[in-house]
Amino acid sequence: RFTTRGARHIISHTLEMMLAAMSVIWEGVCDKH
């Protein structure tokens, strides 16, 4: 959705980590392990 390096860096690093947190917390990795 964005073309500049700064915007893409802001988005990718934080939003991918938020989704990873969803994956390991909400989807049960931490609970099962």
PDB file of all heavy atoms in Angstrom:
ATOM      1  N   ARG A   1       0.812  -1.218   0.000  1.00  0.00           N
ATOM      2  CA  ARG A   1       0.000   0.000   0.000  1.00  0.00           C
ATOM      3  C   ARG A   1       0.848   1.272   0.000  1.00  0.00           C
ATOM      4  O   ARG A   1       0.299   2.373  -0.076  1.00  0.00           O
ATOM      5  CB  ARG A   1      -0.924  -0.001   1.220  1.00  0.00           C
ATOM      6  CG  ARG A   1      -1.797  -1.239   1.317  1.00  0.00           C
ATOM      7  CD  ARG A   1      -2.698  -1.186   2.527  1.00  0.00           C
ATOM      8  NE  ARG A   1      -3.252  -2.499   2.813  1.00  0.00           N
ATOM      9  CZ  ARG A   1      -4.113  -2.746   3.792  1.00  0.00           C
ATOM     10  NH1 ARG A   1      -4.517  -1.751   4.569  1.00  0.00           N
ATOM     11  NH2 ARG A   1      -4.560  -3.967   4.011  1.00  0.00           N
ATOM     12  N   PHE A   2       2.160   1.138   0.113  1.00  0.00           N
ATOM     13  CA  PHE A   2       3.048   2.299   0.200  1.00  0.00           C
ATOM     14  C   PHE A   2       4.270   2.068  -0.675  1.00  0.00           C
ATOM     15  O   PHE A   2       4.632   0.930  -0.969  1.00  0.00           O
ATOM     16  CB  PHE A   2       3.462   2.559   1.651  1.00  0.00           C
ATOM     17  CG  PHE A   2       2.309   2.879   2.556  1.00  0.00           C
ATOM     18  CD1 PHE A   2       1.567   1.869   3.157  1.00  0.00           C
ATOM     19  CD2 PHE A   2       1.939   4.194   2.793  1.00  0.00           C
ATOM     20  CE1 PHE A   2       0.486   2.150   3.972  1.00  0.00           C
ATOM     21  CE2 PHE A   2       0.857   4.491   3.611  1.00  0.00           C
ATOM     22  CZ  PHE A   2       0.133   3.472   4.203  1.00  0.00           C
ATOM     23  N   THR A   3       4.925   3.156  -1.062  1.00  0.00           N
ATOM     24  CA  THR A   3       6.048   3.033  -1.993  1.00  0.00           C
ATOM     25  C   THR A   3       7.383   3.435  -1.386  1.00  0.00           C
ATOM     26  O   THR A   3       8.421   3.025  -1.899  1.00  0.00           O
ATOM     27  CB  THR A   3       5.798   3.899  -3.240  1.00  0.00           C
ATOM     28  OG1 THR A   3       5.617   5.266  -2.843  1.00  0.00           O
ATOM     29  CG2 THR A   3       4.562   3.425  -3.994  1.00  0.00           C
ATOM     30  N   THR A   4       7.402   4.220  -0.313  1.00  0.00           N
ATOM     31  CA  THR A   4       8.671   4.713   0.206  1.00  0.00           C
ATOM     32  C   THR A   4       9.298   3.722   1.180  1.00  0.00           C
ATOM     33  O   THR A   4       8.607   2.949   1.855  1.00  0.00           O
ATOM     34  CB  THR A   4       8.488   6.065   0.913  1.00  0.00           C
ATOM     35  OG1 THR A   4       7.627   5.901   2.048  1.00  0.00           O
ATOM     36  CG2 THR A   4       7.894   7.088  -0.035  1.00  0.00           C
ATOM     37  N   ARG A   5      10.621   3.764   1.268  1.00  0.00           N
ATOM     38  CA  ARG A   5      11.359   2.849   2.148  1.00  0.00           C
ATOM     39  C   ARG A   5      10.963   3.048   3.602  1.00  0.00           C
ATOM     40  O   ARG A   5      10.783   2.076   4.351  1.00  0.00           O
ATOM     41  CB  ARG A   5      12.863   3.072   1.969  1.00  0.00           C
ATOM     42  CG  ARG A   5      13.739   2.198   2.853  1.00  0.00           C
ATOM     43  CD  ARG A   5      15.214   2.385   2.519  1.00  0.00           C
ATOM     44  NE  ARG A   5      16.053   1.535   3.335  1.00  0.00           N
ATOM     45  CZ  ARG A   5      16.670   1.940   4.450  1.00  0.00           C
ATOM     46  NH1 ARG A   5      16.505   3.193   4.874  1.00  0.00           N
ATOM     47  NH2 ARG A   5      17.431   1.119   5.140  1.00  0.00           N
ATOM     48  N   GLY A   6      10.850   4.315   4.022  1.00  0.00           N
ATOM     49  CA  GLY A   6      10.512   4.579   5.408  1.00  0.00           C
ATOM     50  C   GLY A   6       9.159   4.023   5.791  1.00  0.00           C
ATOM     51  O   GLY A   6       9.007   3.374   6.837  1.00  0.00           O
ATOM     52  N   ALA A   7       8.160   4.263   4.954  1.00  0.00           N
ATOM     53  CA  ALA A   7       6.812   3.768   5.250  1.00  0.00           C
ATOM     54  C   ALA A   7       6.793   2.246   5.318  1.00  0.00           C
ATOM     55  O   ALA A   7       6.193   1.659   6.226  1.00  0.00           O
ATOM     56  CB  ALA A   7       5.829   4.269   4.196  1.00  0.00           C
ATOM     57  N   ARG A   8       7.454   1.601   4.382  1.00  0.00           N
ATOM     58  CA  ARG A   8       7.456   0.141   4.370  1.00  0.00           C
ATOM     59  C   ARG A   8       8.195  -0.424   5.582  1.00  0.00           C
ATOM     60  O   ARG A   8       7.807  -1.453   6.140  1.00  0.00           O
ATOM     61  CB  ARG A   8       8.089  -0.354   3.075  1.00  0.00           C
ATOM     62  CG  ARG A   8       7.194  -0.142   1.863  1.00  0.00           C
ATOM     63  CD  ARG A   8       7.859  -0.616   0.584  1.00  0.00           C
ATOM     64  NE  ARG A   8       6.893  -0.673  -0.509  1.00  0.00           N
ATOM     65  CZ  ARG A   8       7.201  -1.076  -1.730  1.00  0.00           C
ATOM     66  NH1 ARG A   8       8.453  -1.431  -2.031  1.00  0.00           N
ATOM     67  NH2 ARG A   8       6.277  -1.111  -2.673  1.00  0.00           N
ATOM     68  N   HIS A   9       9.251   0.247   6.011  1.00  0.00           N
ATOM     69  CA  HIS A   9       9.994  -0.201   7.189  1.00  0.00           C
ATOM     70  C   HIS A   9       9.139  -0.048   8.449  1.00  0.00           C
ATOM     71  O   HIS A   9       9.114  -0.930   9.312  1.00  0.00           O
ATOM     72  CB  HIS A   9      11.285   0.605   7.317  1.00  0.00           C
ATOM     73  CG  HIS A   9      12.233   0.085   8.352  1.00  0.00           C
ATOM     74  ND1 HIS A   9      12.218   0.514   9.662  1.00  0.00           N
ATOM     75  CD2 HIS A   9      13.235  -0.835   8.265  1.00  0.00           C
ATOM     76  CE1 HIS A   9      13.165  -0.105  10.341  1.00  0.00           C
ATOM     77  NE2 HIS A   9      13.796  -0.936   9.513  1.00  0.00           N
ATOM     78  N   ILE A  10       8.441   1.079   8.564  1.00  0.00           N
ATOM     79  CA  ILE A  10       7.544   1.292   9.710  1.00  0.00           C
ATOM     80  C   ILE A  10       6.499   0.185   9.776  1.00  0.00           C
ATOM     81  O   ILE A  10       6.239  -0.385  10.843  1.00  0.00           O
ATOM     82  CB  ILE A  10       6.850   2.664   9.592  1.00  0.00           C
ATOM     83  CG1 ILE A  10       7.861   3.795   9.802  1.00  0.00           C
ATOM     84  CG2 ILE A  10       5.708   2.797  10.613  1.00  0.00           C
ATOM     85  CD1 ILE A  10       7.336   5.163   9.404  1.00  0.00           C
ATOM     86  N   ILE A  11       5.921  -0.137   8.634  1.00  0.00           N
ATOM     87  CA  ILE A  11       4.833  -1.118   8.593  1.00  0.00           C
ATOM     88  C   ILE A  11       5.331  -2.527   8.846  1.00  0.00           C
ATOM     89  O   ILE A  11       4.849  -3.229   9.739  1.00  0.00           O
ATOM     90  CB  ILE A  11       4.137  -1.057   7.219  1.00  0.00           C
ATOM     91  CG1 ILE A  11       3.405   0.264   7.047  1.00  0.00           C
ATOM     92  CG2 ILE A  11       3.155  -2.220   7.049  1.00  0.00           C
ATOM     93  CD1 ILE A  11       3.021   0.554   5.627  1.00  0.00           C
ATOM     94  N   SER A  12       6.296  -2.966   8.061  1.00  0.00           N
ATOM     95  CA  SER A  12       6.653  -4.387   8.061  1.00  0.00           C
ATOM     96  C   SER A  12       7.172  -4.851   9.408  1.00  0.00           C
ATOM     97  O   SER A  12       6.779  -5.911   9.899  1.00  0.00           O
ATOM     98  CB  SER A  12       7.684  -4.675   6.969  1.00  0.00           C
ATOM     99  OG  SER A  12       8.906  -3.999   7.223  1.00  0.00           O
ATOM    100  N   HIS A  13       8.046  -4.077  10.031  1.00  0.00           N
ATOM    101  CA  HIS A  13       8.666  -4.545  11.256  1.00  0.00           C
ATOM    102  C   HIS A  13       7.653  -4.674  12.399  1.00  0.00           C
ATOM    103  O   HIS A  13       7.687  -5.645  13.167  1.00  0.00           O
ATOM    104  CB  HIS A  13       9.818  -3.626  11.661  1.00  0.00           C
ATOM    105  CG  HIS A  13      11.071  -3.890  10.897  1.00  0.00           C
ATOM    106  ND1 HIS A  13      11.142  -3.782   9.526  1.00  0.00           N
ATOM    107  CD2 HIS A  13      12.308  -4.278  11.303  1.00  0.00           C
ATOM    108  CE1 HIS A  13      12.364  -4.097   9.124  1.00  0.00           C
ATOM    109  NE2 HIS A  13      13.090  -4.394  10.177  1.00  0.00           N
ATOM    110  N   THR A  14       6.749  -3.707  12.515  1.00  0.00           N
ATOM    111  CA  THR A  14       5.810  -3.757  13.630  1.00  0.00           C
ATOM    112  C   THR A  14       4.596  -4.621  13.326  1.00  0.00           C
ATOM    113  O   THR A  14       4.208  -5.456  14.152  1.00  0.00           O
ATOM    114  CB  THR A  14       5.360  -2.331  14.009  1.00  0.00           C
ATOM    115  OG1 THR A  14       6.511  -1.585  14.419  1.00  0.00           O
ATOM    116  CG2 THR A  14       4.361  -2.359  15.147  1.00  0.00           C
ATOM    117  N   LEU A  15       3.995  -4.464  12.155  1.00  0.00           N
ATOM    118  CA  LEU A  15       2.775  -5.218  11.879  1.00  0.00           C
ATOM    119  C   LEU A  15       3.036  -6.713  11.722  1.00  0.00           C
ATOM    120  O   LEU A  15       2.228  -7.540  12.160  1.00  0.00           O
ATOM    121  CB  LEU A  15       2.073  -4.661  10.644  1.00  0.00           C
ATOM    122  CG  LEU A  15       1.548  -3.229  10.768  1.00  0.00           C
ATOM    123  CD1 LEU A  15       0.671  -2.872   9.574  1.00  0.00           C
ATOM    124  CD2 LEU A  15       0.771  -3.016  12.061  1.00  0.00           C
ATOM    125  N   GLU A  16       4.163  -7.085  11.128  1.00  0.00           N
ATOM    126  CA  GLU A  16       4.480  -8.513  11.063  1.00  0.00           C
ATOM    127  C   GLU A  16       4.694  -9.090  12.467  1.00  0.00           C
ATOM    128  O   GLU A  16       4.315 -10.220  12.746  1.00  0.00           O
ATOM    129  CB  GLU A  16       5.717  -8.752  10.199  1.00  0.00           C
ATOM    130  CG  GLU A  16       5.451  -8.701   8.705  1.00  0.00           C
ATOM    131  CD  GLU A  16       4.567  -9.836   8.196  1.00  0.00           C
ATOM    132  OE1 GLU A  16       4.351 -10.823   8.926  1.00  0.00           O
ATOM    133  OE2 GLU A  16       4.078  -9.718   7.056  1.00  0.00           O
ATOM    134  N   MET A  17       5.291  -8.281  13.359  1.00  0.00           N
ATOM    135  CA  MET A  17       5.502  -8.775  14.720  1.00  0.00           C
ATOM    136  C   MET A  17       4.190  -8.894  15.475  1.00  0.00           C
ATOM    137  O   MET A  17       3.997  -9.822  16.280  1.00  0.00           O
ATOM    138  CB  MET A  17       6.463  -7.855  15.466  1.00  0.00           C
ATOM    139  CG  MET A  17       7.160  -8.533  16.620  1.00  0.00           C
ATOM    140  SD  MET A  17       8.203  -9.918  16.115  1.00  0.00           S
ATOM    141  CE  MET A  17       9.492  -9.069  15.229  1.00  0.00           C
ATOM    142  N   MET A  18       3.269  -7.964  15.230  1.00  0.00           N
ATOM    143  CA  MET A  18       1.954  -8.057  15.862  1.00  0.00           C
ATOM    144  C   MET A  18       1.237  -9.332  15.430  1.00  0.00           C
ATOM    145  O   MET A  18       0.616 -10.023  16.253  1.00  0.00           O
ATOM    146  CB  MET A  18       1.124  -6.824  15.521  1.00  0.00           C
ATOM    147  CG  MET A  18       1.651  -5.540  16.134  1.00  0.00           C
ATOM    148  SD  MET A  18       0.749  -4.064  15.598  1.00  0.00           S
ATOM    149  CE  MET A  18      -0.722  -4.200  16.606  1.00  0.00           C
ATOM    150  N   LEU A  19       1.336  -9.670  14.158  1.00  0.00           N
ATOM    151  CA  LEU A  19       0.706 -10.893  13.681  1.00  0.00           C
ATOM    152  C   LEU A  19       1.401 -12.131  14.238  1.00  0.00           C
ATOM    153  O   LEU A  19       0.755 -13.135  14.538  1.00  0.00           O
ATOM    154  CB  LEU A  19       0.713 -10.914  12.149  1.00  0.00           C
ATOM    155  CG  LEU A  19      -0.119  -9.811  11.486  1.00  0.00           C
ATOM    156  CD1 LEU A  19      -0.005  -9.897   9.965  1.00  0.00           C
ATOM    157  CD2 LEU A  19      -1.568  -9.877  11.911  1.00  0.00           C
ATOM    158  N   ALA A  20       2.722 -12.056  14.386  1.00  0.00           N
ATOM    159  CA  ALA A  20       3.436 -13.175  14.995  1.00  0.00           C
ATOM    160  C   ALA A  20       3.021 -13.354  16.462  1.00  0.00           C
ATOM    161  O   ALA A  20       2.887 -14.479  16.947  1.00  0.00           O
ATOM    162  CB  ALA A  20       4.943 -12.955  14.895  1.00  0.00           C
ATOM    163  N   ALA A  21       2.816 -12.232  17.166  1.00  0.00           N
ATOM    164  CA  ALA A  21       2.346 -12.319  18.554  1.00  0.00           C
ATOM    165  C   ALA A  21       0.969 -12.956  18.605  1.00  0.00           C
ATOM    166  O   ALA A  21       0.675 -13.765  19.504  1.00  0.00           O
ATOM    167  CB  ALA A  21       2.328 -10.932  19.189  1.00  0.00           C
ATOM    168  N   MET A  22       0.099 -12.592  17.673  1.00  0.00           N
ATOM    169  CA  MET A  22      -1.204 -13.249  17.570  1.00  0.00           C
ATOM    170  C   MET A  22      -1.038 -14.742  17.364  1.00  0.00           C
ATOM    171  O   MET A  22      -1.745 -15.558  17.958  1.00  0.00           O
ATOM    172  CB  MET A  22      -1.990 -12.656  16.400  1.00  0.00           C
ATOM    173  CG  MET A  22      -2.738 -11.392  16.709  1.00  0.00           C
ATOM    174  SD  MET A  22      -4.260 -11.693  17.655  1.00  0.00           S
ATOM    175  CE  MET A  22      -5.225 -12.604  16.458  1.00  0.00           C
ATOM    176  N   SER A  23      -0.084 -15.104  16.518  1.00  0.00           N
ATOM    177  CA  SER A  23       0.114 -16.501  16.168  1.00  0.00           C
ATOM    178  C   SER A  23       0.562 -17.319  17.382  1.00  0.00           C
ATOM    179  O   SER A  23       0.004 -18.374  17.668  1.00  0.00           O
ATOM    180  CB  SER A  23       1.143 -16.606  15.035  1.00  0.00           C
ATOM    181  OG  SER A  23       1.297 -17.935  14.597  1.00  0.00           O
ATOM    182  N   VAL A  24       1.555 -16.815  18.095  1.00  0.00           N
ATOM    183  CA  VAL A  24       2.100 -17.626  19.193  1.00  0.00           C
ATOM    184  C   VAL A  24       1.274 -17.503  20.477  1.00  0.00           C
ATOM    185  O   VAL A  24       1.275 -18.424  21.302  1.00  0.00           O
ATOM    186  CB  VAL A  24       3.583 -17.295  19.480  1.00  0.00           C
ATOM    187  CG1 VAL A  24       4.438 -17.586  18.255  1.00  0.00           C
ATOM    188  CG2 VAL A  24       3.769 -15.862  19.944  1.00  0.00           C
ATOM    189  N   ILE A  25       0.561 -16.389  20.665  1.00  0.00           N
ATOM    190  CA  ILE A  25      -0.234 -16.214  21.887  1.00  0.00           C
ATOM    191  C   ILE A  25      -1.674 -16.651  21.663  1.00  0.00           C
ATOM    192  O   ILE A  25      -2.145 -17.614  22.273  1.00  0.00           O
ATOM    193  CB  ILE A  25      -0.166 -14.754  22.388  1.00  0.00           C
ATOM    194  CG1 ILE A  25       1.272 -14.390  22.775  1.00  0.00           C
ATOM    195  CG2 ILE A  25      -1.089 -14.566  23.596  1.00  0.00           C
ATOM    196  CD1 ILE A  25       1.463 -12.922  23.155  1.00  0.00           C
ATOM    197  N   TRP A  26      -2.399 -15.964  20.785  1.00  0.00           N
ATOM    198  CA  TRP A  26      -3.825 -16.250  20.604  1.00  0.00           C
ATOM    199  C   TRP A  26      -4.063 -17.632  20.004  1.00  0.00           C
ATOM    200  O   TRP A  26      -5.027 -18.330  20.354  1.00  0.00           O
ATOM    201  CB  TRP A  26      -4.463 -15.182  19.716  1.00  0.00           C
ATOM    202  CG  TRP A  26      -5.943 -15.374  19.538  1.00  0.00           C
ATOM    203  CD1 TRP A  26      -6.586 -15.937  18.472  1.00  0.00           C
ATOM    204  CD2 TRP A  26      -6.973 -15.021  20.473  1.00  0.00           C
ATOM    205  NE1 TRP A  26      -7.944 -15.949  18.673  1.00  0.00           N
ATOM    206  CE2 TRP A  26      -8.214 -15.392  19.899  1.00  0.00           C
ATOM    207  CE3 TRP A  26      -6.968 -14.423  21.732  1.00  0.00           C
ATOM    208  CZ2 TRP A  26      -9.429 -15.191  20.552  1.00  0.00           C
ATOM    209  CZ3 TRP A  26      -8.178 -14.210  22.377  1.00  0.00           C
ATOM    210  CH2 TRP A  26      -9.388 -14.596  21.784  1.00  0.00           C
ATOM    211  N   GLU A  27      -3.193 -18.070  19.106  1.00  0.00           N
ATOM    212  CA  GLU A  27      -3.399 -19.351  18.431  1.00  0.00           C
ATOM    213  C   GLU A  27      -2.786 -20.536  19.175  1.00  0.00           C
ATOM    214  O   GLU A  27      -2.787 -21.650  18.674  1.00  0.00           O
ATOM    215  CB  GLU A  27      -2.864 -19.287  17.002  1.00  0.00           C
ATOM    216  CG  GLU A  27      -3.605 -18.305  16.113  1.00  0.00           C
ATOM    217  CD  GLU A  27      -5.035 -18.751  15.781  1.00  0.00           C
ATOM    218  OE1 GLU A  27      -5.354 -19.946  15.991  1.00  0.00           O
ATOM    219  OE2 GLU A  27      -5.825 -17.908  15.327  1.00  0.00           O
ATOM    220  N   GLY A  28      -2.236 -20.299  20.384  1.00  0.00           N
ATOM    221  CA  GLY A  28      -1.992 -21.407  21.285  1.00  0.00           C
ATOM    222  C   GLY A  28      -0.593 -21.959  21.423  1.00  0.00           C
ATOM    223  O   GLY A  28      -0.389 -22.905  22.182  1.00  0.00           O
ATOM    224  N   VAL A  29       0.392 -21.395  20.719  1.00  0.00           N
ATOM    225  CA  VAL A  29       1.752 -21.932  20.855  1.00  0.00           C
ATOM    226  C   VAL A  29       2.224 -21.839  22.302  1.00  0.00           C
ATOM    227  O   VAL A  29       2.721 -22.819  22.874  1.00  0.00           O
ATOM    228  CB  VAL A  29       2.729 -21.193  19.915  1.00  0.00           C
ATOM    229  CG1 VAL A  29       4.174 -21.617  20.203  1.00  0.00           C
ATOM    230  CG2 VAL A  29       2.373 -21.459  18.457  1.00  0.00           C
ATOM    231  N   CYS A  30       2.075 -20.656  22.917  1.00  0.00           N
ATOM    232  CA  CYS A  30       2.522 -20.482  24.302  1.00  0.00           C
ATOM    233  C   CYS A  30       1.730 -21.364  25.249  1.00  0.00           C
ATOM    234  O   CYS A  30       2.284 -21.917  26.208  1.00  0.00           O
ATOM    235  CB  CYS A  30       2.393 -19.015  24.716  1.00  0.00           C
ATOM    236  SG  CYS A  30       3.490 -17.894  23.831  1.00  0.00           S
ATOM    237  N   ASP A  31       0.434 -21.498  25.012  1.00  0.00           N
ATOM    238  CA  ASP A  31      -0.402 -22.308  25.887  1.00  0.00           C
ATOM    239  C   ASP A  31       0.003 -23.774  25.836  1.00  0.00           C
ATOM    240  O   ASP A  31       0.072 -24.450  26.869  1.00  0.00           O
ATOM    241  CB  ASP A  31      -1.860 -22.145  25.457  1.00  0.00           C
ATOM    242  CG  ASP A  31      -2.840 -22.387  26.596  1.00  0.00           C
ATOM    243  OD1 ASP A  31      -2.453 -22.202  27.768  1.00  0.00           O
ATOM    244  OD2 ASP A  31      -3.996 -22.742  26.318  1.00  0.00           O
ATOM    245  N   LYS A  32       0.292 -24.266  24.648  1.00  0.00           N
ATOM    246  CA  LYS A  32       0.640 -25.677  24.469  1.00  0.00           C
ATOM    247  C   LYS A  32       2.085 -25.979  24.847  1.00  0.00           C
ATOM    248  O   LYS A  32       2.433 -27.140  25.082  1.00  0.00           O
ATOM    249  CB  LYS A  32       0.406 -26.088  23.017  1.00  0.00           C
ATOM    250  CG  LYS A  32      -1.053 -26.045  22.598  1.00  0.00           C
ATOM    251  CD  LYS A  32      -1.184 -26.241  21.096  1.00  0.00           C
ATOM    252  CE  LYS A  32      -2.632 -26.072  20.641  1.00  0.00           C
ATOM    253  NZ  LYS A  32      -2.758 -26.079  19.164  1.00  0.00           N
ATOM    254  N   HIS A  33       2.918 -24.939  24.875  1.00  0.00           N
ATOM    255  CA  HIS A  33       4.351 -25.132  25.152  1.00  0.00           C
ATOM    256  C   HIS A  33       4.757 -24.179  26.272  1.00  0.00           C
ATOM    257  O   HIS A  33       5.402 -23.147  26.028  1.00  0.00           O
ATOM    258  CB  HIS A  33       5.164 -24.896  23.884  1.00  0.00           C
ATOM    259  CG  HIS A  33       4.767 -25.801  22.753  1.00  0.00           C
ATOM    260  ND1 HIS A  33       5.240 -27.090  22.642  1.00  0.00           N
ATOM    261  CD2 HIS A  33       3.910 -25.607  21.705  1.00  0.00           C
ATOM    262  CE1 HIS A  33       4.713 -27.659  21.562  1.00  0.00           C
ATOM    263  NE2 HIS A  33       3.900 -26.776  20.992  1.00  0.00           N
TER     264      HIS A  33
END
